[in-house]
Amino acid sequence: MNDRPSSGGMSLVVKTVARLLAAFILLFGVDIVLHGHLTPGGGFSGGVIVGCAFILLTLAEGRTVARRAASDGAAAILDSAGALLFLALAVGGLCLSREAVFFRNFIETAQAQWFRLWSSGIVLLANVGIGLKVGMSLLLVFSVLAALRVASRGGGGGGGP
């Protein structure tokens, strides 16, 4: 049926459906992160959804193919960038606000801009930092657990997760 050589992962139908679904799952996760200050959700829940999109690709395609979309090195860099963004916002409140309060919202918005995407000052940026941190941490934890599973089976596995 499948005239391509096996590269690990699951059947062609599962791979195709996973690729299509992963794009929508990723888009939904980004939407949850960006609108977290206006609707239920936020950085943590959106980051979990984003991480699950990459995990779905890894399960369907196999580790070698899925790592082209998000390698462990890129995930580690984005994970650190999310943590640094969150820390920078917290220290920025200490340094840039008049009251010198840790994590103070130092980006003022006019009342006419309330309930819009850019209306929350640093909250949107904090959600992005948390979303990056949670999503990439989840992907890295999954990657380590999958590597331990492959190692415990004796190194075999045919390109599975």
N, C-alpha and C. Protein backbone atom coordinates (compact mmCIF):
# COMPACT_ATOMS: atom_id res chain seq x y z
N MET A 1 0.81 -1.19 0.00
CA MET A 1 0.00 0.00 0.00
C MET A 1 0.85 1.26 0.00
N ASN A 2 1.77 1.31 0.91
CA ASN A 2 2.61 2.48 1.04
C ASN A 2 3.93 2.19 0.36
N ASP A 3 4.19 2.84 -0.79
CA ASP A 3 5.40 2.56 -1.54
C ASP A 3 6.60 3.35 -1.05
N ARG A 4 6.41 4.22 -0.06
CA ARG A 4 7.54 4.94 0.53
C ARG A 4 8.20 4.08 1.58
N PRO A 5 9.51 4.23 1.77
CA PRO A 5 10.17 3.46 2.83
C PRO A 5 9.68 3.91 4.20
N SER A 6 9.64 2.97 5.12
CA SER A 6 9.16 3.26 6.46
C SER A 6 10.15 4.15 7.20
N SER A 7 9.62 5.28 7.72
CA SER A 7 10.47 6.20 8.47
C SER A 7 10.06 6.24 9.93
N GLY A 8 9.37 5.21 10.38
CA GLY A 8 8.90 5.20 11.76
C GLY A 8 7.55 5.86 11.85
N GLY A 9 6.98 5.85 13.01
CA GLY A 9 5.69 6.45 13.20
C GLY A 9 4.57 5.49 12.85
N MET A 10 3.44 6.03 12.52
CA MET A 10 2.25 5.23 12.29
C MET A 10 1.92 5.19 10.80
N SER A 11 0.72 4.74 10.47
CA SER A 11 0.31 4.58 9.08
C SER A 11 0.17 5.93 8.38
N LEU A 12 0.04 5.87 7.06
CA LEU A 12 -0.06 7.08 6.25
C LEU A 12 -1.32 7.87 6.60
N VAL A 13 -2.42 7.18 6.88
CA VAL A 13 -3.66 7.86 7.23
C VAL A 13 -3.49 8.62 8.55
N VAL A 14 -2.91 7.98 9.53
CA VAL A 14 -2.72 8.63 10.84
C VAL A 14 -1.76 9.81 10.70
N LYS A 15 -0.72 9.66 9.92
CA LYS A 15 0.23 10.77 9.73
C LYS A 15 -0.44 11.97 9.06
N THR A 16 -1.26 11.71 8.04
CA THR A 16 -1.93 12.79 7.33
C THR A 16 -2.92 13.52 8.23
N VAL A 17 -3.73 12.77 8.95
CA VAL A 17 -4.70 13.38 9.86
C VAL A 17 -3.98 14.14 10.98
N ALA A 18 -2.90 13.58 11.49
CA ALA A 18 -2.16 14.25 12.57
C ALA A 18 -1.56 15.56 12.08
N ARG A 19 -1.03 15.59 10.85
CA ARG A 19 -0.49 16.84 10.32
C ARG A 19 -1.56 17.91 10.20
N LEU A 20 -2.74 17.51 9.70
CA LEU A 20 -3.83 18.47 9.57
C LEU A 20 -4.33 18.95 10.93
N LEU A 21 -4.51 18.02 11.85
CA LEU A 21 -5.01 18.39 13.18
C LEU A 21 -3.99 19.21 13.96
N ALA A 22 -2.72 18.89 13.82
CA ALA A 22 -1.69 19.60 14.57
C ALA A 22 -1.67 21.09 14.22
N ALA A 23 -1.92 21.41 12.97
CA ALA A 23 -1.96 22.82 12.58
C ALA A 23 -3.10 23.55 13.28
N PHE A 24 -4.28 22.94 13.32
CA PHE A 24 -5.41 23.57 13.99
C PHE A 24 -5.22 23.61 15.51
N ILE A 25 -4.64 22.57 16.07
CA ILE A 25 -4.39 22.55 17.51
C ILE A 25 -3.38 23.64 17.88
N LEU A 26 -2.34 23.79 17.08
CA LEU A 26 -1.34 24.83 17.32
C LEU A 26 -1.97 26.22 17.22
N LEU A 27 -2.80 26.44 16.22
CA LEU A 27 -3.47 27.72 16.06
C LEU A 27 -4.40 28.01 17.23
N PHE A 28 -5.12 27.00 17.69
CA PHE A 28 -6.01 27.17 18.84
C PHE A 28 -5.21 27.50 20.09
N GLY A 29 -4.07 26.84 20.29
CA GLY A 29 -3.23 27.12 21.45
C GLY A 29 -2.70 28.55 21.44
N VAL A 30 -2.27 29.01 20.28
CA VAL A 30 -1.78 30.39 20.17
C VAL A 30 -2.91 31.37 20.45
N ASP A 31 -4.12 31.08 19.98
CA ASP A 31 -5.27 31.93 20.24
C ASP A 31 -5.59 31.99 21.73
N ILE A 32 -5.51 30.86 22.41
CA ILE A 32 -5.77 30.82 23.85
C ILE A 32 -4.73 31.66 24.60
N VAL A 33 -3.47 31.57 24.18
CA VAL A 33 -2.41 32.36 24.82
C VAL A 33 -2.65 33.85 24.59
N LEU A 34 -2.95 34.25 23.37
CA LEU A 34 -3.07 35.67 23.05
C LEU A 34 -4.32 36.31 23.63
N HIS A 35 -5.38 35.56 23.79
CA HIS A 35 -6.62 36.14 24.31
C HIS A 35 -6.88 35.73 25.76
N GLY A 36 -5.87 35.28 26.46
CA GLY A 36 -6.04 34.80 27.82
C GLY A 36 -6.46 35.87 28.81
N HIS A 37 -6.16 37.11 28.55
CA HIS A 37 -6.57 38.18 29.46
C HIS A 37 -8.00 38.64 29.20
N LEU A 38 -8.60 38.17 28.11
CA LEU A 38 -9.97 38.56 27.78
C LEU A 38 -10.97 37.42 27.93
N THR A 39 -10.51 36.21 27.79
CA THR A 39 -11.38 35.03 27.83
C THR A 39 -10.76 34.01 28.79
N PRO A 40 -11.51 32.97 29.14
CA PRO A 40 -10.90 31.92 29.97
C PRO A 40 -9.72 31.28 29.23
N GLY A 41 -8.68 31.05 29.95
CA GLY A 41 -7.48 30.49 29.34
C GLY A 41 -6.29 31.33 29.76
N GLY A 42 -5.29 31.33 28.95
CA GLY A 42 -4.11 32.12 29.25
C GLY A 42 -2.85 31.39 28.85
N GLY A 43 -1.75 31.78 29.45
CA GLY A 43 -0.46 31.24 29.07
C GLY A 43 -0.30 29.77 29.39
N PHE A 44 -0.76 29.34 30.55
CA PHE A 44 -0.56 27.95 30.93
C PHE A 44 -1.38 27.01 30.07
N SER A 45 -2.68 27.26 29.98
CA SER A 45 -3.53 26.35 29.21
C SER A 45 -3.20 26.41 27.73
N GLY A 46 -2.92 27.58 27.19
CA GLY A 46 -2.52 27.69 25.80
C GLY A 46 -1.18 27.01 25.53
N GLY A 47 -0.25 27.12 26.48
CA GLY A 47 1.04 26.45 26.33
C GLY A 47 0.91 24.94 26.33
N VAL A 48 0.01 24.41 27.14
CA VAL A 48 -0.23 22.96 27.14
C VAL A 48 -0.78 22.53 25.80
N ILE A 49 -1.69 23.30 25.23
CA ILE A 49 -2.27 22.95 23.93
C ILE A 49 -1.20 23.01 22.84
N VAL A 50 -0.34 24.02 22.86
CA VAL A 50 0.74 24.12 21.87
C VAL A 50 1.70 22.94 22.01
N GLY A 51 2.07 22.61 23.24
CA GLY A 51 2.95 21.46 23.45
C GLY A 51 2.33 20.16 22.95
N CYS A 52 1.02 20.01 23.16
CA CYS A 52 0.33 18.79 22.71
C CYS A 52 0.30 18.69 21.19
N ALA A 53 0.28 19.81 20.49
CA ALA A 53 0.33 19.76 19.02
C ALA A 53 1.64 19.14 18.56
N PHE A 54 2.75 19.52 19.18
CA PHE A 54 4.04 18.94 18.80
C PHE A 54 4.16 17.49 19.26
N ILE A 55 3.56 17.16 20.39
CA ILE A 55 3.57 15.77 20.86
C ILE A 55 2.78 14.89 19.91
N LEU A 56 1.65 15.38 19.42
CA LEU A 56 0.86 14.63 18.44
C LEU A 56 1.69 14.33 17.20
N LEU A 57 2.41 15.32 16.71
CA LEU A 57 3.28 15.09 15.54
C LEU A 57 4.34 14.05 15.84
N THR A 58 4.91 14.09 17.02
CA THR A 58 5.94 13.13 17.38
C THR A 58 5.37 11.72 17.45
N LEU A 59 4.20 11.57 18.02
CA LEU A 59 3.60 10.24 18.12
C LEU A 59 3.23 9.69 16.75
N ALA A 60 2.72 10.54 15.87
CA ALA A 60 2.27 10.07 14.56
C ALA A 60 3.43 9.85 13.60
N GLU A 61 4.37 10.77 13.57
CA GLU A 61 5.44 10.74 12.57
C GLU A 61 6.68 9.98 13.00
N GLY A 62 6.89 9.88 14.27
CA GLY A 62 8.15 9.33 14.76
C GLY A 62 9.09 10.45 15.14
N ARG A 63 10.04 10.14 15.97
CA ARG A 63 10.92 11.16 16.54
C ARG A 63 11.76 11.89 15.50
N THR A 64 12.32 11.17 14.55
CA THR A 64 13.23 11.82 13.61
C THR A 64 12.52 12.81 12.70
N VAL A 65 11.34 12.49 12.24
CA VAL A 65 10.61 13.39 11.35
C VAL A 65 10.05 14.58 12.12
N ALA A 66 9.51 14.33 13.30
CA ALA A 66 8.89 15.41 14.08
C ALA A 66 9.93 16.41 14.59
N ARG A 67 11.14 15.99 14.79
CA ARG A 67 12.16 16.91 15.31
C ARG A 67 12.60 17.92 14.27
N ARG A 68 12.22 17.71 13.01
CA ARG A 68 12.47 18.76 12.01
C ARG A 68 11.56 19.96 12.27
N ALA A 69 10.35 19.72 12.79
CA ALA A 69 9.42 20.81 13.09
C ALA A 69 9.84 21.54 14.36
N ALA A 70 10.25 20.80 15.37
CA ALA A 70 10.68 21.41 16.63
C ALA A 70 11.75 20.54 17.25
N SER A 71 12.99 20.93 17.07
CA SER A 71 14.09 20.15 17.64
C SER A 71 14.19 20.41 19.13
N ASP A 72 14.90 19.53 19.82
CA ASP A 72 15.08 19.70 21.26
C ASP A 72 15.86 20.98 21.57
N GLY A 73 16.80 21.32 20.72
CA GLY A 73 17.57 22.55 20.94
C GLY A 73 16.72 23.80 20.80
N ALA A 74 15.87 23.81 19.77
CA ALA A 74 14.97 24.96 19.57
C ALA A 74 13.96 25.05 20.71
N ALA A 75 13.46 23.90 21.16
CA ALA A 75 12.52 23.90 22.28
C ALA A 75 13.18 24.42 23.55
N ALA A 76 14.43 24.05 23.79
CA ALA A 76 15.14 24.54 24.97
C ALA A 76 15.38 26.04 24.90
N ILE A 77 15.70 26.55 23.72
CA ILE A 77 15.92 27.99 23.55
C ILE A 77 14.62 28.75 23.78
N LEU A 78 13.50 28.27 23.20
CA LEU A 78 12.21 28.93 23.40
C LEU A 78 11.74 28.84 24.84
N ASP A 79 12.04 27.70 25.49
CA ASP A 79 11.71 27.53 26.90
C ASP A 79 12.43 28.58 27.74
N SER A 80 13.71 28.76 27.49
CA SER A 80 14.49 29.76 28.23
C SER A 80 14.04 31.18 27.89
N ALA A 81 13.68 31.41 26.63
CA ALA A 81 13.22 32.74 26.23
C ALA A 81 11.92 33.10 26.93
N GLY A 82 11.03 32.13 27.09
CA GLY A 82 9.78 32.38 27.82
C GLY A 82 10.04 32.74 29.27
N ALA A 83 10.95 32.02 29.91
CA ALA A 83 11.27 32.32 31.30
C ALA A 83 11.93 33.69 31.43
N LEU A 84 12.82 34.03 30.51
CA LEU A 84 13.50 35.33 30.56
C LEU A 84 12.53 36.48 30.30
N LEU A 85 11.57 36.27 29.39
CA LEU A 85 10.57 37.30 29.13
C LEU A 85 9.73 37.55 30.38
N PHE A 86 9.31 36.49 31.04
CA PHE A 86 8.52 36.62 32.26
C PHE A 86 9.32 37.33 33.36
N LEU A 87 10.58 36.96 33.51
CA LEU A 87 11.44 37.61 34.51
C LEU A 87 11.69 39.07 34.16
N ALA A 88 11.89 39.36 32.87
CA ALA A 88 12.12 40.75 32.46
C ALA A 88 10.90 41.62 32.73
N LEU A 89 9.71 41.08 32.54
CA LEU A 89 8.50 41.84 32.85
C LEU A 89 8.38 42.11 34.34
N ALA A 90 8.74 41.12 35.14
CA ALA A 90 8.67 41.29 36.60
C ALA A 90 9.66 42.34 37.08
N VAL A 91 10.88 42.26 36.60
CA VAL A 91 11.91 43.23 37.01
C VAL A 91 11.63 44.59 36.37
N GLY A 92 11.03 44.58 35.16
CA GLY A 92 10.66 45.84 34.52
C GLY A 92 9.67 46.63 35.36
N GLY A 93 8.75 45.94 36.01
CA GLY A 93 7.83 46.63 36.90
C GLY A 93 8.55 47.27 38.07
N LEU A 94 9.60 46.62 38.53
CA LEU A 94 10.39 47.15 39.64
C LEU A 94 11.17 48.39 39.20
N CYS A 95 11.70 48.35 37.99
CA CYS A 95 12.56 49.43 37.52
C CYS A 95 11.81 50.57 36.82
N LEU A 96 10.73 50.25 36.11
CA LEU A 96 10.10 51.24 35.26
C LEU A 96 8.85 51.88 35.84
N SER A 97 8.30 51.33 36.89
CA SER A 97 7.10 51.94 37.47
C SER A 97 7.50 52.99 38.50
N ARG A 98 6.60 53.94 38.72
CA ARG A 98 6.87 55.01 39.68
C ARG A 98 6.92 54.50 41.11
N GLU A 99 6.14 53.45 41.39
CA GLU A 99 6.07 52.92 42.75
C GLU A 99 7.19 51.93 43.05
N ALA A 100 7.93 51.48 42.05
CA ALA A 100 9.00 50.49 42.20
C ALA A 100 8.48 49.22 42.87
N VAL A 101 7.46 48.62 42.24
CA VAL A 101 6.83 47.41 42.73
C VAL A 101 7.16 46.27 41.78
N PHE A 102 7.57 45.14 42.34
CA PHE A 102 7.90 43.96 41.54
C PHE A 102 6.67 43.51 40.77
N PHE A 103 6.80 43.30 39.48
CA PHE A 103 5.76 42.85 38.57
C PHE A 103 4.63 43.87 38.43
N ARG A 104 4.91 45.13 38.57
CA ARG A 104 3.91 46.19 38.38
C ARG A 104 3.66 46.35 36.88
N ASN A 105 2.41 46.55 36.51
CA ASN A 105 2.05 46.76 35.10
C ASN A 105 2.51 48.15 34.70
N PHE A 106 3.63 48.22 34.00
CA PHE A 106 4.22 49.52 33.66
C PHE A 106 3.81 50.02 32.28
N ILE A 107 2.97 49.28 31.56
CA ILE A 107 2.47 49.73 30.26
C ILE A 107 1.03 50.19 30.46
N GLU A 108 0.82 51.48 30.43
CA GLU A 108 -0.51 52.05 30.66
C GLU A 108 -1.33 51.98 29.37
N THR A 109 -2.64 51.72 29.52
CA THR A 109 -3.55 51.74 28.38
C THR A 109 -4.74 52.62 28.72
N ALA A 110 -5.23 53.32 27.71
CA ALA A 110 -6.38 54.20 27.89
C ALA A 110 -7.64 53.37 28.07
N GLN A 111 -8.62 53.92 28.76
CA GLN A 111 -9.85 53.20 29.01
C GLN A 111 -10.58 52.87 27.71
N ALA A 112 -10.40 53.68 26.68
CA ALA A 112 -11.04 53.41 25.39
C ALA A 112 -10.49 52.14 24.74
N GLN A 113 -9.30 51.70 25.13
CA GLN A 113 -8.68 50.51 24.57
C GLN A 113 -8.98 49.24 25.36
N TRP A 114 -9.70 49.33 26.44
CA TRP A 114 -9.98 48.17 27.27
C TRP A 114 -10.76 47.12 26.46
N PHE A 115 -10.56 45.87 26.80
CA PHE A 115 -11.21 44.72 26.20
C PHE A 115 -10.82 44.52 24.73
N ARG A 116 -9.63 44.93 24.40
CA ARG A 116 -9.05 44.67 23.08
C ARG A 116 -7.78 43.87 23.31
N LEU A 117 -7.19 43.36 22.21
CA LEU A 117 -6.04 42.47 22.34
C LEU A 117 -4.87 43.14 23.06
N TRP A 118 -4.58 44.38 22.77
CA TRP A 118 -3.42 45.05 23.36
C TRP A 118 -3.80 45.90 24.56
N SER A 119 -4.89 45.58 25.24
CA SER A 119 -5.41 46.44 26.30
C SER A 119 -4.86 46.15 27.69
N SER A 120 -4.10 45.11 27.86
CA SER A 120 -3.78 44.67 29.22
C SER A 120 -2.38 45.02 29.68
N GLY A 121 -1.66 45.80 28.93
CA GLY A 121 -0.31 46.14 29.34
C GLY A 121 0.62 44.94 29.26
N ILE A 122 1.24 44.58 30.39
CA ILE A 122 2.20 43.48 30.37
C ILE A 122 1.56 42.10 30.50
N VAL A 123 0.25 42.04 30.75
CA VAL A 123 -0.40 40.74 30.95
C VAL A 123 -0.32 39.89 29.69
N LEU A 124 -0.53 40.49 28.51
CA LEU A 124 -0.42 39.75 27.26
C LEU A 124 1.00 39.21 27.08
N LEU A 125 1.99 40.04 27.35
CA LEU A 125 3.38 39.59 27.21
C LEU A 125 3.72 38.51 28.23
N ALA A 126 3.17 38.62 29.44
CA ALA A 126 3.38 37.59 30.45
C ALA A 126 2.74 36.27 30.01
N ASN A 127 1.56 36.34 29.40
CA ASN A 127 0.92 35.13 28.88
C ASN A 127 1.76 34.49 27.79
N VAL A 128 2.36 35.29 26.93
CA VAL A 128 3.23 34.75 25.88
C VAL A 128 4.44 34.06 26.50
N GLY A 129 5.05 34.69 27.50
CA GLY A 129 6.19 34.08 28.18
C GLY A 129 5.82 32.77 28.86
N ILE A 130 4.68 32.75 29.54
CA ILE A 130 4.24 31.52 30.20
C ILE A 130 3.90 30.46 29.17
N GLY A 131 3.24 30.85 28.08
CA GLY A 131 2.89 29.90 27.03
C GLY A 131 4.12 29.25 26.41
N LEU A 132 5.14 30.05 26.14
CA LEU A 132 6.40 29.49 25.62
C LEU A 132 7.03 28.54 26.62
N LYS A 133 7.09 28.96 27.86
CA LYS A 133 7.72 28.15 28.91
C LYS A 133 6.99 26.82 29.09
N VAL A 134 5.68 26.86 29.23
CA VAL A 134 4.91 25.65 29.49
C VAL A 134 4.91 24.73 28.27
N GLY A 135 4.66 25.28 27.09
CA GLY A 135 4.59 24.46 25.89
C GLY A 135 5.90 23.75 25.58
N MET A 136 6.99 24.48 25.63
CA MET A 136 8.27 23.87 25.30
C MET A 136 8.77 22.96 26.42
N SER A 137 8.45 23.29 27.67
CA SER A 137 8.81 22.39 28.77
C SER A 137 8.08 21.06 28.64
N LEU A 138 6.82 21.12 28.30
CA LEU A 138 6.04 19.89 28.10
C LEU A 138 6.62 19.06 26.97
N LEU A 139 7.00 19.70 25.88
CA LEU A 139 7.62 18.98 24.76
C LEU A 139 8.94 18.35 25.18
N LEU A 140 9.74 19.07 25.94
CA LEU A 140 11.03 18.53 26.38
C LEU A 140 10.86 17.37 27.37
N VAL A 141 9.89 17.48 28.26
CA VAL A 141 9.62 16.38 29.20
C VAL A 141 9.17 15.14 28.43
N PHE A 142 8.29 15.33 27.45
CA PHE A 142 7.86 14.21 26.62
C PHE A 142 9.04 13.60 25.87
N SER A 143 9.92 14.43 25.37
CA SER A 143 11.09 13.94 24.63
C SER A 143 12.02 13.12 25.52
N VAL A 144 12.23 13.58 26.74
CA VAL A 144 13.09 12.84 27.67
C VAL A 144 12.45 11.52 28.06
N LEU A 145 11.15 11.53 28.34
CA LEU A 145 10.47 10.28 28.69
C LEU A 145 10.47 9.29 27.53
N ALA A 146 10.30 9.79 26.31
CA ALA A 146 10.34 8.92 25.14
C ALA A 146 11.74 8.34 24.95
N ALA A 147 12.76 9.15 25.17
CA ALA A 147 14.13 8.65 25.04
C ALA A 147 14.44 7.60 26.10
N LEU A 148 13.95 7.81 27.31
CA LEU A 148 14.15 6.81 28.37
C LEU A 148 13.43 5.51 28.03
N ARG A 149 12.26 5.60 27.43
CA ARG A 149 11.52 4.40 27.04
C ARG A 149 12.28 3.64 25.96
N VAL A 150 12.80 4.34 24.98
CA VAL A 150 13.56 3.69 23.92
C VAL A 150 14.83 3.08 24.48
N ALA A 151 15.48 3.79 25.40
CA ALA A 151 16.73 3.27 26.00
C ALA A 151 16.44 2.05 26.86
N SER A 152 15.31 2.03 27.56
CA SER A 152 15.00 0.89 28.40
C SER A 152 14.62 -0.34 27.60
N ARG A 153 14.19 -0.13 26.35
CA ARG A 153 13.87 -1.27 25.49
C ARG A 153 15.09 -1.80 24.76
N GLY A 154 16.21 -1.22 24.98
CA GLY A 154 17.45 -1.72 24.38
C GLY A 154 17.90 -0.95 23.16
N GLY A 155 17.37 0.25 22.94
CA GLY A 155 17.83 1.07 21.85
C GLY A 155 17.08 0.85 20.56
N GLY A 156 16.26 -0.17 20.47
CA GLY A 156 15.48 -0.41 19.25
C GLY A 156 14.29 0.49 19.22
N GLY A 157 13.43 0.26 18.28
CA GLY A 157 12.20 1.02 18.31
C GLY A 157 11.76 1.54 16.96
N GLY A 158 12.57 1.49 15.94
CA GLY A 158 12.15 1.85 14.61
C GLY A 158 11.66 3.27 14.45
N GLY A 159 12.24 4.24 15.14
CA GLY A 159 11.90 5.64 14.94
C GLY A 159 10.64 6.07 15.65
N GLY A 160 10.17 5.32 16.60
CA GLY A 160 8.97 5.69 17.35
C GLY A 160 9.23 6.89 18.22
N PRO A 161 8.31 7.22 19.11
CA PRO A 161 8.46 8.43 19.93
C PRO A 161 9.60 8.29 20.82
